[in-house]
Amino acid sequence: MLPIDPHADLGRRAWIDCPRCRDARHCADCRSERNCGTHWRYLLANSGSVLHVQCPSCAHLWDHESHFGRGAA
């Protein structure tokens, strides 16, 4: 397992599903799209609407396309 990125900041978080461990799949808050106090991800950086995140549970790193800020094409 990878270590947590040294630039990870507890103050920068994202609430998206981890594609590896899927630890939030049975959480009522996460299923209702609320910000759960347990199943958050480190938001390491972003490039436009693409978020670079890491799961604190399994340390998986991945990019997530949020589509935030994109207008109709």
PDB file of N, CA and C in Angstrom:
ATOM      1  N   MET A   1       0.839  -1.172   0.000  1.00  0.00           N
ATOM      2  CA  MET A   1       0.000   0.000   0.000  1.00  0.00           C
ATOM      3  C   MET A   1       0.890   1.243   0.000  1.00  0.00           C
ATOM      4  N   LEU A   2       0.483   2.224  -0.759  1.00  0.00           N
ATOM      5  CA  LEU A   2       1.208   3.486  -0.823  1.00  0.00           C
ATOM      6  C   LEU A   2       1.036   4.269   0.472  1.00  0.00           C
ATOM      7  N   PRO A   3       2.020   5.087   0.832  1.00  0.00           N
ATOM      8  CA  PRO A   3       1.827   5.977   1.983  1.00  0.00           C
ATOM      9  C   PRO A   3       0.954   7.169   1.566  1.00  0.00           C
ATOM     10  N   ILE A   4       0.417   7.851   2.545  1.00  0.00           N
ATOM     11  CA  ILE A   4      -0.345   9.067   2.262  1.00  0.00           C
ATOM     12  C   ILE A   4       0.620  10.118   1.734  1.00  0.00           C
ATOM     13  N   ASP A   5       0.203  10.811   0.689  1.00  0.00           N
ATOM     14  CA  ASP A   5       1.015  11.845   0.059  1.00  0.00           C
ATOM     15  C   ASP A   5       1.480  12.856   1.108  1.00  0.00           C
ATOM     16  N   PRO A   6       2.762  13.220   1.099  1.00  0.00           N
ATOM     17  CA  PRO A   6       3.256  14.161   2.108  1.00  0.00           C
ATOM     18  C   PRO A   6       2.639  15.554   2.001  1.00  0.00           C
ATOM     19  N   HIS A   7       2.043  15.882   0.861  1.00  0.00           N
ATOM     20  CA  HIS A   7       1.397  17.180   0.689  1.00  0.00           C
ATOM     21  C   HIS A   7      -0.095  17.138   1.017  1.00  0.00           C
ATOM     22  N   ALA A   8      -0.594  15.995   1.459  1.00  0.00           N
ATOM     23  CA  ALA A   8      -2.009  15.881   1.815  1.00  0.00           C
ATOM     24  C   ALA A   8      -2.305  16.794   2.999  1.00  0.00           C
ATOM     25  N   ASP A   9      -3.395  17.509   2.898  1.00  0.00           N
ATOM     26  CA  ASP A   9      -3.787  18.476   3.922  1.00  0.00           C
ATOM     27  C   ASP A   9      -5.187  18.128   4.409  1.00  0.00           C
ATOM     28  N   LEU A  10      -5.336  17.891   5.699  1.00  0.00           N
ATOM     29  CA  LEU A  10      -6.627  17.528   6.273  1.00  0.00           C
ATOM     30  C   LEU A  10      -7.694  18.587   5.983  1.00  0.00           C
ATOM     31  N   GLY A  11      -7.270  19.815   5.777  1.00  0.00           N
ATOM     32  CA  GLY A  11      -8.207  20.898   5.498  1.00  0.00           C
ATOM     33  C   GLY A  11      -8.724  20.920   4.075  1.00  0.00           C
ATOM     34  N   ARG A  12      -8.108  20.149   3.177  1.00  0.00           N
ATOM     35  CA  ARG A  12      -8.551  20.084   1.777  1.00  0.00           C
ATOM     36  C   ARG A  12      -9.097  18.686   1.513  1.00  0.00           C
ATOM     37  N   ARG A  13     -10.421  18.572   1.482  1.00  0.00           N
ATOM     38  CA  ARG A  13     -11.041  17.262   1.350  1.00  0.00           C
ATOM     39  C   ARG A  13     -12.067  17.251   0.226  1.00  0.00           C
ATOM     40  N   ALA A  14     -12.341  16.060  -0.268  1.00  0.00           N
ATOM     41  CA  ALA A  14     -13.374  15.840  -1.283  1.00  0.00           C
ATOM     42  C   ALA A  14     -14.222  14.660  -0.835  1.00  0.00           C
ATOM     43  N   TRP A  15     -15.488  14.720  -1.148  1.00  0.00           N
ATOM     44  CA  TRP A  15     -16.404  13.640  -0.774  1.00  0.00           C
ATOM     45  C   TRP A  15     -16.843  12.924  -2.045  1.00  0.00           C
ATOM     46  N   ILE A  16     -16.001  11.986  -2.475  1.00  0.00           N
ATOM     47  CA  ILE A  16     -16.289  11.160  -3.649  1.00  0.00           C
ATOM     48  C   ILE A  16     -15.961   9.719  -3.302  1.00  0.00           C
ATOM     49  N   ASP A  17     -16.543   8.793  -4.043  1.00  0.00           N
ATOM     50  CA  ASP A  17     -16.307   7.369  -3.787  1.00  0.00           C
ATOM     51  C   ASP A  17     -14.892   6.963  -4.178  1.00  0.00           C
ATOM     52  N   CYS A  18     -14.283   6.126  -3.360  1.00  0.00           N
ATOM     53  CA  CYS A  18     -12.990   5.545  -3.705  1.00  0.00           C
ATOM     54  C   CYS A  18     -13.260   4.343  -4.607  1.00  0.00           C
ATOM     55  N   PRO A  19     -12.685   4.325  -5.812  1.00  0.00           N
ATOM     56  CA  PRO A  19     -12.940   3.205  -6.715  1.00  0.00           C
ATOM     57  C   PRO A  19     -12.253   1.908  -6.292  1.00  0.00           C
ATOM     58  N   ARG A  20     -11.309   1.970  -5.374  1.00  0.00           N
ATOM     59  CA  ARG A  20     -10.610   0.760  -4.939  1.00  0.00           C
ATOM     60  C   ARG A  20     -11.296   0.108  -3.737  1.00  0.00           C
ATOM     61  N   CYS A  21     -11.375   0.800  -2.609  1.00  0.00           N
ATOM     62  CA  CYS A  21     -11.897   0.146  -1.402  1.00  0.00           C
ATOM     63  C   CYS A  21     -13.406   0.289  -1.235  1.00  0.00           C
ATOM     64  N   ARG A  22     -14.011   1.278  -1.891  1.00  0.00           N
ATOM     65  CA  ARG A  22     -15.463   1.488  -1.820  1.00  0.00           C
ATOM     66  C   ARG A  22     -15.972   1.453  -0.378  1.00  0.00           C
ATOM     67  N   ASP A  23     -15.220   2.069   0.525  1.00  0.00           N
ATOM     68  CA  ASP A  23     -15.550   2.031   1.956  1.00  0.00           C
ATOM     69  C   ASP A  23     -16.841   2.760   2.316  1.00  0.00           C
ATOM     70  N   ALA A  24     -17.359   3.614   1.447  1.00  0.00           N
ATOM     71  CA  ALA A  24     -18.558   4.390   1.747  1.00  0.00           C
ATOM     72  C   ALA A  24     -19.848   3.744   1.229  1.00  0.00           C
ATOM     73  N   ARG A  25     -19.757   2.581   0.628  1.00  0.00           N
ATOM     74  CA  ARG A  25     -20.927   2.001  -0.056  1.00  0.00           C
ATOM     75  C   ARG A  25     -22.104   1.685   0.864  1.00  0.00           C
ATOM     76  N   HIS A  26     -21.866   1.465   2.146  1.00  0.00           N
ATOM     77  CA  HIS A  26     -22.956   1.152   3.061  1.00  0.00           C
ATOM     78  C   HIS A  26     -23.292   2.316   4.003  1.00  0.00           C
ATOM     79  N   CYS A  27     -22.733   3.474   3.748  1.00  0.00           N
ATOM     80  CA  CYS A  27     -22.933   4.645   4.617  1.00  0.00           C
ATOM     81  C   CYS A  27     -24.186   5.417   4.186  1.00  0.00           C
ATOM     82  N   ALA A  28     -25.113   5.600   5.119  1.00  0.00           N
ATOM     83  CA  ALA A  28     -26.359   6.308   4.811  1.00  0.00           C
ATOM     84  C   ALA A  28     -26.098   7.761   4.422  1.00  0.00           C
ATOM     85  N   ASP A  29     -25.172   8.443   5.101  1.00  0.00           N
ATOM     86  CA  ASP A  29     -24.857   9.830   4.747  1.00  0.00           C
ATOM     87  C   ASP A  29     -24.301   9.921   3.329  1.00  0.00           C
ATOM     88  N   CYS A  30     -23.365   9.060   2.982  1.00  0.00           N
ATOM     89  CA  CYS A  30     -22.762   9.091   1.648  1.00  0.00           C
ATOM     90  C   CYS A  30     -23.784   8.766   0.555  1.00  0.00           C
ATOM     91  N   ARG A  31     -24.641   7.797   0.815  1.00  0.00           N
ATOM     92  CA  ARG A  31     -25.656   7.427  -0.176  1.00  0.00           C
ATOM     93  C   ARG A  31     -26.658   8.552  -0.396  1.00  0.00           C
ATOM     94  N   SER A  32     -26.883   9.388   0.609  1.00  0.00           N
ATOM     95  CA  SER A  32     -27.807  10.510   0.452  1.00  0.00           C
ATOM     96  C   SER A  32     -27.083  11.783   0.033  1.00  0.00           C
ATOM     97  N   GLU A  33     -25.813  11.637  -0.370  1.00  0.00           N
ATOM     98  CA  GLU A  33     -24.976  12.727  -0.893  1.00  0.00           C
ATOM     99  C   GLU A  33     -24.719  13.836   0.126  1.00  0.00           C
ATOM    100  N   ARG A  34     -24.629  13.455   1.408  1.00  0.00           N
ATOM    101  CA  ARG A  34     -24.236  14.401   2.456  1.00  0.00           C
ATOM    102  C   ARG A  34     -22.740  14.247   2.715  1.00  0.00           C
ATOM    103  N   ASN A  35     -22.116  15.265   3.247  1.00  0.00           N
ATOM    104  CA  ASN A  35     -20.698  15.210   3.581  1.00  0.00           C
ATOM    105  C   ASN A  35     -20.506  14.423   4.871  1.00  0.00           C
ATOM    106  N   CYS A  36     -20.080  13.206   4.731  1.00  0.00           N
ATOM    107  CA  CYS A  36     -19.863  12.297   5.847  1.00  0.00           C
ATOM    108  C   CYS A  36     -18.551  12.661   6.557  1.00  0.00           C
ATOM    109  N   GLY A  37     -18.537  12.528   7.857  1.00  0.00           N
ATOM    110  CA  GLY A  37     -17.325  12.812   8.616  1.00  0.00           C
ATOM    111  C   GLY A  37     -16.281  11.717   8.535  1.00  0.00           C
ATOM    112  N   THR A  38     -16.631  10.578   7.964  1.00  0.00           N
ATOM    113  CA  THR A  38     -15.726   9.435   7.897  1.00  0.00           C
ATOM    114  C   THR A  38     -15.178   9.174   6.495  1.00  0.00           C
ATOM    115  N   HIS A  39     -16.015   9.292   5.472  1.00  0.00           N
ATOM    116  CA  HIS A  39     -15.651   8.853   4.121  1.00  0.00           C
ATOM    117  C   HIS A  39     -15.279  10.006   3.191  1.00  0.00           C
ATOM    118  N   TRP A  40     -14.301  10.757   3.571  1.00  0.00           N
ATOM    119  CA  TRP A  40     -13.795  11.850   2.738  1.00  0.00           C
ATOM    120  C   TRP A  40     -12.465  11.411   2.128  1.00  0.00           C
ATOM    121  N   ARG A  41     -11.974  12.155   1.144  1.00  0.00           N
ATOM    122  CA  ARG A  41     -10.697  11.881   0.473  1.00  0.00           C
ATOM    123  C   ARG A  41      -9.831  13.129   0.550  1.00  0.00           C
ATOM    124  N   TYR A  42      -8.529  12.927   0.582  1.00  0.00           N
ATOM    125  CA  TYR A  42      -7.621  14.074   0.514  1.00  0.00           C
ATOM    126  C   TYR A  42      -7.706  14.668  -0.887  1.00  0.00           C
ATOM    127  N   LEU A  43      -7.937  15.968  -0.964  1.00  0.00           N
ATOM    128  CA  LEU A  43      -7.888  16.686  -2.238  1.00  0.00           C
ATOM    129  C   LEU A  43      -6.467  17.209  -2.378  1.00  0.00           C
ATOM    130  N   LEU A  44      -5.672  16.552  -3.213  1.00  0.00           N
ATOM    131  CA  LEU A  44      -4.253  16.896  -3.337  1.00  0.00           C
ATOM    132  C   LEU A  44      -4.042  18.091  -4.259  1.00  0.00           C
ATOM    133  N   ALA A  45      -4.816  18.146  -5.327  1.00  0.00           N
ATOM    134  CA  ALA A  45      -4.682  19.233  -6.300  1.00  0.00           C
ATOM    135  C   ALA A  45      -5.844  19.131  -7.271  1.00  0.00           C
ATOM    136  N   ASN A  46      -5.937  20.108  -8.144  1.00  0.00           N
ATOM    137  CA  ASN A  46      -6.898  20.019  -9.236  1.00  0.00           C
ATOM    138  C   ASN A  46      -6.307  20.669 -10.475  1.00  0.00           C
ATOM    139  N   SER A  47      -6.766  20.192 -11.604  1.00  0.00           N
ATOM    140  CA  SER A  47      -6.411  20.764 -12.906  1.00  0.00           C
ATOM    141  C   SER A  47      -7.735  21.036 -13.599  1.00  0.00           C
ATOM    142  N   GLY A  48      -8.219  22.264 -13.476  1.00  0.00           N
ATOM    143  CA  GLY A  48      -9.546  22.565 -13.995  1.00  0.00           C
ATOM    144  C   GLY A  48     -10.571  21.772 -13.214  1.00  0.00           C
ATOM    145  N   SER A  49     -11.372  20.994 -13.914  1.00  0.00           N
ATOM    146  CA  SER A  49     -12.424  20.215 -13.255  1.00  0.00           C
ATOM    147  C   SER A  49     -11.965  18.821 -12.834  1.00  0.00           C
ATOM    148  N   VAL A  50     -10.692  18.494 -13.060  1.00  0.00           N
ATOM    149  CA  VAL A  50     -10.157  17.192 -12.668  1.00  0.00           C
ATOM    150  C   VAL A  50      -9.523  17.306 -11.278  1.00  0.00           C
ATOM    151  N   LEU A  51     -10.019  16.474 -10.353  1.00  0.00           N
ATOM    152  CA  LEU A  51      -9.502  16.457  -8.986  1.00  0.00           C
ATOM    153  C   LEU A  51      -8.475  15.347  -8.844  1.00  0.00           C
ATOM    154  N   HIS A  52      -7.376  15.624  -8.175  1.00  0.00           N
ATOM    155  CA  HIS A  52      -6.347  14.630  -7.877  1.00  0.00           C
ATOM    156  C   HIS A  52      -6.515  14.313  -6.392  1.00  0.00           C
ATOM    157  N   VAL A  53      -6.948  13.090  -6.098  1.00  0.00           N
ATOM    158  CA  VAL A  53      -7.343  12.734  -4.740  1.00  0.00           C
ATOM    159  C   VAL A  53      -6.662  11.458  -4.250  1.00  0.00           C
ATOM    160  N   GLN A  54      -6.685  11.292  -2.925  1.00  0.00           N
ATOM    161  CA  GLN A  54      -6.150  10.080  -2.309  1.00  0.00           C
ATOM    162  C   GLN A  54      -7.080   9.653  -1.181  1.00  0.00           C
ATOM    163  N   CYS A  55      -7.337   8.366  -1.113  1.00  0.00           N
ATOM    164  CA  CYS A  55      -8.192   7.801  -0.074  1.00  0.00           C
ATOM    165  C   CYS A  55      -7.364   7.592   1.195  1.00  0.00           C
ATOM    166  N   PRO A  56      -7.793   8.134   2.336  1.00  0.00           N
ATOM    167  CA  PRO A  56      -7.045   7.915   3.574  1.00  0.00           C
ATOM    168  C   PRO A  56      -7.184   6.486   4.107  1.00  0.00           C
ATOM    169  N   SER A  57      -8.196   5.757   3.661  1.00  0.00           N
ATOM    170  CA  SER A  57      -8.396   4.384   4.132  1.00  0.00           C
ATOM    171  C   SER A  57      -7.455   3.390   3.476  1.00  0.00           C
ATOM    172  N   CYS A  58      -7.325   3.466   2.135  1.00  0.00           N
ATOM    173  CA  CYS A  58      -6.506   2.479   1.413  1.00  0.00           C
ATOM    174  C   CYS A  58      -5.321   3.110   0.693  1.00  0.00           C
ATOM    175  N   ALA A  59      -5.176   4.436   0.755  1.00  0.00           N
ATOM    176  CA  ALA A  59      -4.080   5.208   0.153  1.00  0.00           C
ATOM    177  C   ALA A  59      -4.086   5.202  -1.373  1.00  0.00           C
ATOM    178  N   HIS A  60      -5.185   4.775  -1.997  1.00  0.00           N
ATOM    179  CA  HIS A  60      -5.293   4.778  -3.458  1.00  0.00           C
ATOM    180  C   HIS A  60      -5.272   6.216  -3.977  1.00  0.00           C
ATOM    181  N   LEU A  61      -4.496   6.462  -5.039  1.00  0.00           N
ATOM    182  CA  LEU A  61      -4.425   7.760  -5.714  1.00  0.00           C
ATOM    183  C   LEU A  61      -5.156   7.658  -7.041  1.00  0.00           C
ATOM    184  N   TRP A  62      -5.965   8.671  -7.382  1.00  0.00           N
ATOM    185  CA  TRP A  62      -6.615   8.673  -8.687  1.00  0.00           C
ATOM    186  C   TRP A  62      -7.065  10.073  -9.053  1.00  0.00           C
ATOM    187  N   ASP A  63      -7.436  10.234 -10.314  1.00  0.00           N
ATOM    188  CA  ASP A  63      -7.982  11.484 -10.827  1.00  0.00           C
ATOM    189  C   ASP A  63      -9.484  11.303 -10.998  1.00  0.00           C
ATOM    190  N   HIS A  64     -10.236  12.339 -10.645  1.00  0.00           N
ATOM    191  CA  HIS A  64     -11.696  12.283 -10.725  1.00  0.00           C
ATOM    192  C   HIS A  64     -12.188  13.492 -11.509  1.00  0.00           C
ATOM    193  N   GLU A  65     -12.910  13.265 -12.596  1.00  0.00           N
ATOM    194  CA  GLU A  65     -13.491  14.352 -13.381  1.00  0.00           C
ATOM    195  C   GLU A  65     -14.780  14.788 -12.696  1.00  0.00           C
ATOM    196  N   SER A  66     -14.792  16.009 -12.170  1.00  0.00           N
ATOM    197  CA  SER A  66     -15.951  16.509 -11.424  1.00  0.00           C
ATOM    198  C   SER A  66     -16.977  17.197 -12.307  1.00  0.00           C
ATOM    199  N   HIS A  67     -16.561  17.643 -13.484  1.00  0.00           N
ATOM    200  CA  HIS A  67     -17.419  18.415 -14.403  1.00  0.00           C
ATOM    201  C   HIS A  67     -17.832  19.753 -13.801  1.00  0.00           C
ATOM    202  N   PHE A  68     -17.270  20.126 -12.652  1.00  0.00           N
ATOM    203  CA  PHE A  68     -17.626  21.388 -12.006  1.00  0.00           C
ATOM    204  C   PHE A  68     -17.101  22.557 -12.831  1.00  0.00           C
ATOM    205  N   GLY A  69     -17.935  23.528 -13.057  1.00  0.00           N
ATOM    206  CA  GLY A  69     -17.529  24.724 -13.770  1.00  0.00           C
ATOM    207  C   GLY A  69     -17.597  24.598 -15.283  1.00  0.00           C
ATOM    208  N   ARG A  70     -18.019  23.459 -15.770  1.00  0.00           N
ATOM    209  CA  ARG A  70     -18.133  23.281 -17.219  1.00  0.00           C
ATOM    210  C   ARG A  70     -19.516  23.737 -17.676  1.00  0.00           C
ATOM    211  N   GLY A  71     -19.536  24.619 -18.641  1.00  0.00           N
ATOM    212  CA  GLY A  71     -20.801  25.038 -19.209  1.00  0.00           C
ATOM    213  C   GLY A  71     -21.233  24.070 -20.302  1.00  0.00           C
ATOM    214  N   ALA A  72     -22.395  24.311 -20.853  1.00  0.00           N
ATOM    215  CA  ALA A  72     -22.863  23.471 -21.956  1.00  0.00           C
ATOM    216  C   ALA A  72     -21.972  23.682 -23.166  1.00  0.00           C
ATOM    217  N   ALA A  73     -21.609  22.612 -23.810  1.00  0.00           N
ATOM    218  CA  ALA A  73     -20.704  22.695 -24.967  1.00  0.00           C
ATOM    219  C   ALA A  73     -21.441  22.998 -26.232  1.00  0.00           C
TER     220      ALA A  73
END
